[in-house]
Amino acid sequence: MAYDHGAFRVRDLEAAARFYTEKLGFQFLFYSGSEEAGEKGAFLDYRGARLELIETIGADYVPVRPERPFCPHLCFETEDMDAVIRALEESGIGILDGPNEIPGSERWLYFADPDWNVLEYIQWLDRDKTGAG
């Protein structure tokens, strides 16, 4: 078994795809969908991590502001949390929570896309805990 992708529901597929590609640096792969299934989607990639965005056809979607523990979420690793914070600020993306820190272990923060899908950045301060040694 191998990991293939994660998925988020969105209100406007094209607008969501622009957010991820223009503000977060994802690469657009392709659109998919099925009228019969009542959905259309877009597949994106960020350094080998694929994300599917799904818009339902003919059904309104009203996202809800997330709250702790901010699950589910999609997490990306960074080596420079301060650079991430600057990039989010420059892109006009607000931080939901953080940055938080467990001294000597990790730093992390949560933010959301326009549909309140939660994303996280984590900086591992102790590489031994990641299995990457």
N, C-alpha and C. Protein backbone atom coordinates (compact mmCIF):
# COMPACT_ATOMS: atom_id res chain seq x y z
N MET A 1 0.84 -1.17 0.00
CA MET A 1 0.00 0.00 0.00
C MET A 1 0.89 1.24 0.00
N ALA A 2 0.41 2.28 -0.69
CA ALA A 2 1.14 3.54 -0.74
C ALA A 2 0.16 4.70 -0.64
N TYR A 3 0.60 5.78 -0.05
CA TYR A 3 -0.22 6.99 0.05
C TYR A 3 -0.40 7.57 -1.34
N ASP A 4 -1.62 7.98 -1.69
CA ASP A 4 -1.87 8.59 -2.99
C ASP A 4 -2.21 10.07 -2.88
N HIS A 5 -3.25 10.44 -2.12
CA HIS A 5 -3.60 11.85 -2.00
C HIS A 5 -4.55 12.08 -0.84
N GLY A 6 -4.68 13.34 -0.45
CA GLY A 6 -5.69 13.79 0.48
C GLY A 6 -6.68 14.64 -0.29
N ALA A 7 -7.83 14.96 0.32
CA ALA A 7 -8.84 15.73 -0.39
C ALA A 7 -9.51 16.73 0.55
N PHE A 8 -9.89 17.88 -0.02
CA PHE A 8 -10.64 18.91 0.68
C PHE A 8 -11.85 19.29 -0.15
N ARG A 9 -12.97 19.52 0.51
CA ARG A 9 -14.17 20.02 -0.17
C ARG A 9 -14.07 21.54 -0.27
N VAL A 10 -14.49 22.08 -1.41
CA VAL A 10 -14.42 23.52 -1.66
C VAL A 10 -15.73 24.01 -2.27
N ARG A 11 -15.97 25.31 -2.16
CA ARG A 11 -17.18 25.91 -2.75
C ARG A 11 -17.00 26.21 -4.22
N ASP A 12 -15.82 26.67 -4.61
CA ASP A 12 -15.55 27.11 -5.98
C ASP A 12 -14.22 26.49 -6.40
N LEU A 13 -14.29 25.48 -7.22
CA LEU A 13 -13.11 24.69 -7.58
C LEU A 13 -12.01 25.54 -8.21
N GLU A 14 -12.37 26.37 -9.17
CA GLU A 14 -11.36 27.18 -9.85
C GLU A 14 -10.69 28.17 -8.91
N ALA A 15 -11.49 28.82 -8.05
CA ALA A 15 -10.92 29.77 -7.09
C ALA A 15 -10.01 29.06 -6.09
N ALA A 16 -10.42 27.89 -5.64
CA ALA A 16 -9.59 27.12 -4.69
C ALA A 16 -8.28 26.70 -5.35
N ALA A 17 -8.35 26.25 -6.60
CA ALA A 17 -7.13 25.84 -7.30
C ALA A 17 -6.18 27.03 -7.45
N ARG A 18 -6.71 28.22 -7.73
CA ARG A 18 -5.87 29.42 -7.82
C ARG A 18 -5.21 29.72 -6.48
N PHE A 19 -5.95 29.61 -5.38
CA PHE A 19 -5.38 29.86 -4.05
C PHE A 19 -4.17 28.95 -3.82
N TYR A 20 -4.35 27.66 -4.06
CA TYR A 20 -3.27 26.70 -3.79
C TYR A 20 -2.09 26.88 -4.73
N THR A 21 -2.33 27.19 -5.99
CA THR A 21 -1.21 27.33 -6.93
C THR A 21 -0.53 28.69 -6.79
N GLU A 22 -1.32 29.77 -6.67
CA GLU A 22 -0.74 31.11 -6.66
C GLU A 22 -0.20 31.52 -5.29
N LYS A 23 -0.83 31.09 -4.21
CA LYS A 23 -0.40 31.54 -2.88
C LYS A 23 0.46 30.52 -2.15
N LEU A 24 0.27 29.23 -2.44
CA LEU A 24 1.02 28.21 -1.70
C LEU A 24 2.02 27.44 -2.54
N GLY A 25 2.07 27.68 -3.83
CA GLY A 25 3.08 27.06 -4.68
C GLY A 25 2.79 25.65 -5.14
N PHE A 26 1.53 25.22 -5.06
CA PHE A 26 1.17 23.90 -5.59
C PHE A 26 1.23 23.93 -7.11
N GLN A 27 1.45 22.78 -7.70
CA GLN A 27 1.42 22.64 -9.16
C GLN A 27 0.08 22.01 -9.53
N PHE A 28 -0.62 22.63 -10.49
CA PHE A 28 -1.87 22.07 -10.98
C PHE A 28 -1.55 20.86 -11.84
N LEU A 29 -2.25 19.74 -11.61
CA LEU A 29 -2.05 18.53 -12.40
C LEU A 29 -3.15 18.34 -13.43
N PHE A 30 -4.42 18.23 -12.97
CA PHE A 30 -5.52 18.04 -13.92
C PHE A 30 -6.86 18.19 -13.20
N TYR A 31 -7.89 18.46 -14.02
CA TYR A 31 -9.27 18.47 -13.53
C TYR A 31 -9.87 17.09 -13.75
N SER A 32 -10.82 16.72 -12.89
CA SER A 32 -11.54 15.47 -13.04
C SER A 32 -12.97 15.72 -12.59
N GLY A 33 -13.79 14.72 -12.67
CA GLY A 33 -15.14 14.87 -12.16
C GLY A 33 -16.13 14.00 -12.87
N SER A 34 -17.32 13.98 -12.32
CA SER A 34 -18.38 13.15 -12.86
C SER A 34 -19.73 13.78 -12.55
N GLU A 35 -20.47 14.14 -13.59
CA GLU A 35 -21.83 14.65 -13.39
C GLU A 35 -22.67 13.62 -12.65
N GLU A 36 -22.48 12.34 -12.99
CA GLU A 36 -23.25 11.27 -12.37
C GLU A 36 -22.97 11.19 -10.87
N ALA A 37 -21.73 11.39 -10.48
CA ALA A 37 -21.36 11.35 -9.07
C ALA A 37 -21.67 12.66 -8.37
N GLY A 38 -21.95 13.71 -9.16
CA GLY A 38 -22.29 15.00 -8.57
C GLY A 38 -21.11 15.78 -8.04
N GLU A 39 -19.94 15.58 -8.64
CA GLU A 39 -18.77 16.32 -8.18
C GLU A 39 -17.78 16.56 -9.30
N LYS A 40 -17.00 17.61 -9.11
CA LYS A 40 -15.88 17.89 -10.00
C LYS A 40 -14.67 18.17 -9.12
N GLY A 41 -13.50 17.87 -9.64
CA GLY A 41 -12.31 18.00 -8.82
C GLY A 41 -11.10 18.50 -9.58
N ALA A 42 -10.10 18.84 -8.82
CA ALA A 42 -8.81 19.25 -9.36
C ALA A 42 -7.73 18.56 -8.54
N PHE A 43 -6.75 18.02 -9.22
CA PHE A 43 -5.61 17.41 -8.54
C PHE A 43 -4.43 18.36 -8.62
N LEU A 44 -3.78 18.56 -7.46
CA LEU A 44 -2.62 19.43 -7.34
C LEU A 44 -1.49 18.65 -6.71
N ASP A 45 -0.28 19.17 -6.85
CA ASP A 45 0.89 18.50 -6.27
C ASP A 45 1.76 19.54 -5.59
N TYR A 46 2.29 19.17 -4.43
CA TYR A 46 3.28 20.00 -3.75
C TYR A 46 4.43 19.09 -3.33
N ARG A 47 5.49 19.10 -4.11
CA ARG A 47 6.70 18.32 -3.82
C ARG A 47 6.39 16.84 -3.56
N GLY A 48 5.50 16.28 -4.39
CA GLY A 48 5.17 14.87 -4.29
C GLY A 48 3.96 14.55 -3.44
N ALA A 49 3.42 15.54 -2.72
CA ALA A 49 2.20 15.34 -1.94
C ALA A 49 1.03 15.83 -2.79
N ARG A 50 0.14 14.91 -3.15
CA ARG A 50 -0.98 15.29 -4.01
C ARG A 50 -2.22 15.62 -3.18
N LEU A 51 -2.95 16.62 -3.66
CA LEU A 51 -4.16 17.09 -3.01
C LEU A 51 -5.26 17.17 -4.05
N GLU A 52 -6.43 16.64 -3.70
CA GLU A 52 -7.60 16.75 -4.56
C GLU A 52 -8.56 17.76 -3.92
N LEU A 53 -9.02 18.70 -4.72
CA LEU A 53 -10.03 19.65 -4.30
C LEU A 53 -11.33 19.21 -4.95
N ILE A 54 -12.42 19.15 -4.17
CA ILE A 54 -13.69 18.64 -4.69
C ILE A 54 -14.80 19.65 -4.47
N GLU A 55 -15.50 19.97 -5.55
CA GLU A 55 -16.69 20.82 -5.49
C GLU A 55 -17.90 19.96 -5.85
N THR A 56 -18.93 20.03 -5.02
CA THR A 56 -20.15 19.29 -5.34
C THR A 56 -20.95 20.06 -6.38
N ILE A 57 -21.57 19.33 -7.28
CA ILE A 57 -22.37 19.93 -8.35
C ILE A 57 -23.83 19.95 -7.89
N GLY A 58 -24.45 21.13 -7.95
CA GLY A 58 -25.86 21.24 -7.63
C GLY A 58 -26.18 21.19 -6.15
N ALA A 59 -25.20 21.36 -5.30
CA ALA A 59 -25.43 21.36 -3.85
C ALA A 59 -24.58 22.45 -3.22
N ASP A 60 -25.21 23.28 -2.42
CA ASP A 60 -24.46 24.33 -1.74
C ASP A 60 -23.60 23.72 -0.64
N TYR A 61 -22.45 24.33 -0.46
CA TYR A 61 -21.54 23.91 0.61
C TYR A 61 -21.23 25.14 1.45
N VAL A 62 -21.50 25.07 2.72
CA VAL A 62 -21.23 26.17 3.64
C VAL A 62 -20.18 25.70 4.64
N PRO A 63 -18.94 26.08 4.41
CA PRO A 63 -17.87 25.65 5.33
C PRO A 63 -18.02 26.30 6.70
N VAL A 64 -17.48 25.64 7.69
CA VAL A 64 -17.54 26.11 9.08
C VAL A 64 -16.12 26.41 9.55
N ARG A 65 -15.99 27.53 10.27
CA ARG A 65 -14.67 27.88 10.81
C ARG A 65 -14.18 26.77 11.72
N PRO A 66 -12.97 26.29 11.49
CA PRO A 66 -12.44 25.19 12.30
C PRO A 66 -12.06 25.64 13.71
N GLU A 67 -11.99 24.68 14.59
CA GLU A 67 -11.57 24.95 15.96
C GLU A 67 -10.66 23.81 16.42
N ARG A 68 -10.01 24.01 17.54
CA ARG A 68 -9.10 23.01 18.08
C ARG A 68 -9.78 21.65 18.15
N PRO A 69 -9.12 20.61 17.80
CA PRO A 69 -7.70 20.46 17.51
C PRO A 69 -7.35 20.62 16.03
N PHE A 70 -8.18 21.32 15.26
CA PHE A 70 -7.91 21.62 13.85
C PHE A 70 -7.73 20.36 13.01
N CYS A 71 -8.61 19.40 13.22
CA CYS A 71 -8.59 18.16 12.46
C CYS A 71 -9.87 18.04 11.65
N PRO A 72 -9.77 17.51 10.43
CA PRO A 72 -8.55 17.05 9.79
C PRO A 72 -7.74 18.23 9.27
N HIS A 73 -6.49 17.95 8.99
CA HIS A 73 -5.63 18.96 8.37
C HIS A 73 -4.55 18.27 7.54
N LEU A 74 -3.94 19.06 6.69
CA LEU A 74 -2.83 18.61 5.86
C LEU A 74 -1.60 19.35 6.34
N CYS A 75 -0.51 18.62 6.60
CA CYS A 75 0.67 19.23 7.21
C CYS A 75 1.88 19.15 6.28
N PHE A 76 2.63 20.25 6.24
CA PHE A 76 3.87 20.32 5.46
C PHE A 76 5.02 20.67 6.38
N GLU A 77 6.14 20.08 6.12
CA GLU A 77 7.34 20.33 6.92
C GLU A 77 8.10 21.52 6.35
N THR A 78 8.66 22.31 7.25
CA THR A 78 9.52 23.41 6.86
C THR A 78 10.78 23.37 7.71
N GLU A 79 11.84 23.93 7.20
CA GLU A 79 13.07 24.06 7.98
C GLU A 79 13.20 25.48 8.56
N ASP A 80 12.28 26.39 8.16
CA ASP A 80 12.38 27.78 8.58
C ASP A 80 10.98 28.34 8.85
N MET A 81 10.50 28.20 10.06
CA MET A 81 9.15 28.66 10.40
C MET A 81 9.01 30.17 10.24
N ASP A 82 10.07 30.92 10.55
CA ASP A 82 9.99 32.37 10.40
C ASP A 82 9.76 32.76 8.94
N ALA A 83 10.39 32.05 8.01
CA ALA A 83 10.18 32.32 6.59
C ALA A 83 8.74 31.97 6.19
N VAL A 84 8.19 30.90 6.74
CA VAL A 84 6.80 30.52 6.47
C VAL A 84 5.86 31.63 6.94
N ILE A 85 6.09 32.13 8.14
CA ILE A 85 5.23 33.19 8.69
C ILE A 85 5.28 34.42 7.80
N ARG A 86 6.47 34.81 7.36
CA ARG A 86 6.60 35.96 6.46
C ARG A 86 5.85 35.71 5.15
N ALA A 87 5.99 34.51 4.59
CA ALA A 87 5.33 34.19 3.32
C ALA A 87 3.80 34.21 3.46
N LEU A 88 3.29 33.68 4.56
CA LEU A 88 1.84 33.72 4.79
C LEU A 88 1.36 35.16 4.91
N GLU A 89 2.09 35.98 5.66
CA GLU A 89 1.72 37.38 5.82
C GLU A 89 1.74 38.10 4.48
N GLU A 90 2.79 37.88 3.67
CA GLU A 90 2.90 38.52 2.36
C GLU A 90 1.79 38.09 1.42
N SER A 91 1.27 36.88 1.60
CA SER A 91 0.18 36.37 0.75
C SER A 91 -1.19 36.72 1.31
N GLY A 92 -1.23 37.40 2.46
CA GLY A 92 -2.50 37.79 3.05
C GLY A 92 -3.26 36.63 3.68
N ILE A 93 -2.52 35.60 4.09
CA ILE A 93 -3.12 34.42 4.69
C ILE A 93 -2.96 34.52 6.20
N GLY A 94 -4.08 34.52 6.90
CA GLY A 94 -4.05 34.63 8.36
C GLY A 94 -3.72 33.30 9.02
N ILE A 95 -3.12 33.38 10.18
CA ILE A 95 -2.77 32.19 10.97
C ILE A 95 -3.92 31.92 11.94
N LEU A 96 -4.42 30.69 11.96
CA LEU A 96 -5.47 30.29 12.89
C LEU A 96 -4.93 30.13 14.30
N ASP A 97 -3.73 29.53 14.40
CA ASP A 97 -3.17 29.20 15.71
C ASP A 97 -1.67 29.05 15.57
N GLY A 98 -0.93 29.69 16.47
CA GLY A 98 0.51 29.54 16.47
C GLY A 98 1.22 30.81 16.06
N PRO A 99 2.54 30.70 15.95
CA PRO A 99 3.28 29.45 16.07
C PRO A 99 3.34 28.96 17.52
N ASN A 100 3.26 27.66 17.64
CA ASN A 100 3.37 26.98 18.93
C ASN A 100 4.71 26.26 18.97
N GLU A 101 5.18 25.95 20.17
CA GLU A 101 6.46 25.26 20.26
C GLU A 101 6.50 24.34 21.47
N ILE A 102 7.07 23.17 21.24
CA ILE A 102 7.50 22.28 22.31
C ILE A 102 9.01 22.39 22.28
N PRO A 103 9.61 23.08 23.26
CA PRO A 103 11.05 23.35 23.21
C PRO A 103 11.88 22.09 22.95
N GLY A 104 12.78 22.24 22.00
CA GLY A 104 13.68 21.15 21.67
C GLY A 104 13.04 20.05 20.84
N SER A 105 11.75 20.18 20.50
CA SER A 105 11.05 19.14 19.76
C SER A 105 10.48 19.64 18.43
N GLU A 106 9.55 20.60 18.51
CA GLU A 106 8.88 21.04 17.28
C GLU A 106 8.25 22.41 17.44
N ARG A 107 8.06 23.09 16.28
CA ARG A 107 7.29 24.34 16.17
C ARG A 107 6.24 24.10 15.11
N TRP A 108 5.02 24.61 15.31
CA TRP A 108 4.00 24.42 14.31
C TRP A 108 2.99 25.56 14.34
N LEU A 109 2.27 25.70 13.23
CA LEU A 109 1.18 26.66 13.14
C LEU A 109 0.11 26.11 12.21
N TYR A 110 -1.10 26.60 12.40
CA TYR A 110 -2.23 26.22 11.56
C TYR A 110 -2.75 27.45 10.83
N PHE A 111 -3.18 27.25 9.60
CA PHE A 111 -3.85 28.28 8.82
C PHE A 111 -4.91 27.58 7.97
N ALA A 112 -5.73 28.35 7.27
CA ALA A 112 -6.81 27.74 6.50
C ALA A 112 -6.89 28.34 5.11
N ASP A 113 -7.45 27.56 4.21
CA ASP A 113 -7.74 28.07 2.87
C ASP A 113 -9.06 28.86 2.93
N PRO A 114 -9.51 29.47 1.84
CA PRO A 114 -10.75 30.25 1.88
C PRO A 114 -12.00 29.44 2.23
N ASP A 115 -11.93 28.12 2.17
CA ASP A 115 -13.05 27.26 2.52
C ASP A 115 -12.90 26.66 3.91
N TRP A 116 -11.99 27.20 4.70
CA TRP A 116 -11.72 26.78 6.08
C TRP A 116 -11.14 25.37 6.17
N ASN A 117 -10.54 24.87 5.10
CA ASN A 117 -9.79 23.62 5.19
C ASN A 117 -8.46 23.95 5.86
N VAL A 118 -8.09 23.18 6.85
CA VAL A 118 -6.93 23.50 7.68
C VAL A 118 -5.66 22.89 7.13
N LEU A 119 -4.62 23.71 7.15
CA LEU A 119 -3.28 23.29 6.78
C LEU A 119 -2.34 23.61 7.93
N GLU A 120 -1.27 22.89 8.00
CA GLU A 120 -0.30 23.08 9.07
C GLU A 120 1.10 23.11 8.48
N TYR A 121 1.95 23.91 9.08
CA TYR A 121 3.40 23.82 8.84
C TYR A 121 4.03 23.37 10.14
N ILE A 122 4.98 22.46 10.03
CA ILE A 122 5.71 22.00 11.21
C ILE A 122 7.20 22.11 10.94
N GLN A 123 7.93 22.52 11.95
CA GLN A 123 9.39 22.54 11.91
C GLN A 123 9.87 21.62 13.02
N TRP A 124 10.51 20.55 12.63
CA TRP A 124 11.04 19.60 13.62
C TRP A 124 12.35 20.14 14.17
N LEU A 125 12.42 20.31 15.47
CA LEU A 125 13.64 20.80 16.11
C LEU A 125 14.52 19.64 16.55
N ASP A 126 13.92 18.47 16.68
CA ASP A 126 14.64 17.24 17.05
C ASP A 126 14.45 16.25 15.91
N ARG A 127 15.42 16.18 15.01
CA ARG A 127 15.33 15.31 13.82
C ARG A 127 15.17 13.86 14.19
N ASP A 128 15.61 13.44 15.38
CA ASP A 128 15.49 12.04 15.77
C ASP A 128 14.04 11.61 15.91
N LYS A 129 13.14 12.56 16.19
CA LYS A 129 11.72 12.23 16.35
C LYS A 129 11.01 12.03 15.03
N THR A 130 11.62 12.43 13.93
CA THR A 130 10.97 12.34 12.62
C THR A 130 11.26 11.02 11.92
N GLY A 131 12.23 10.29 12.41
CA GLY A 131 12.64 9.08 11.70
C GLY A 131 13.58 9.38 10.55
N ALA A 132 13.88 10.68 10.33
CA ALA A 132 14.77 11.07 9.25
C ALA A 132 16.23 11.09 9.68
N GLY A 133 16.43 11.00 10.99
CA GLY A 133 17.76 10.94 11.60
C GLY A 133 18.68 11.96 11.11
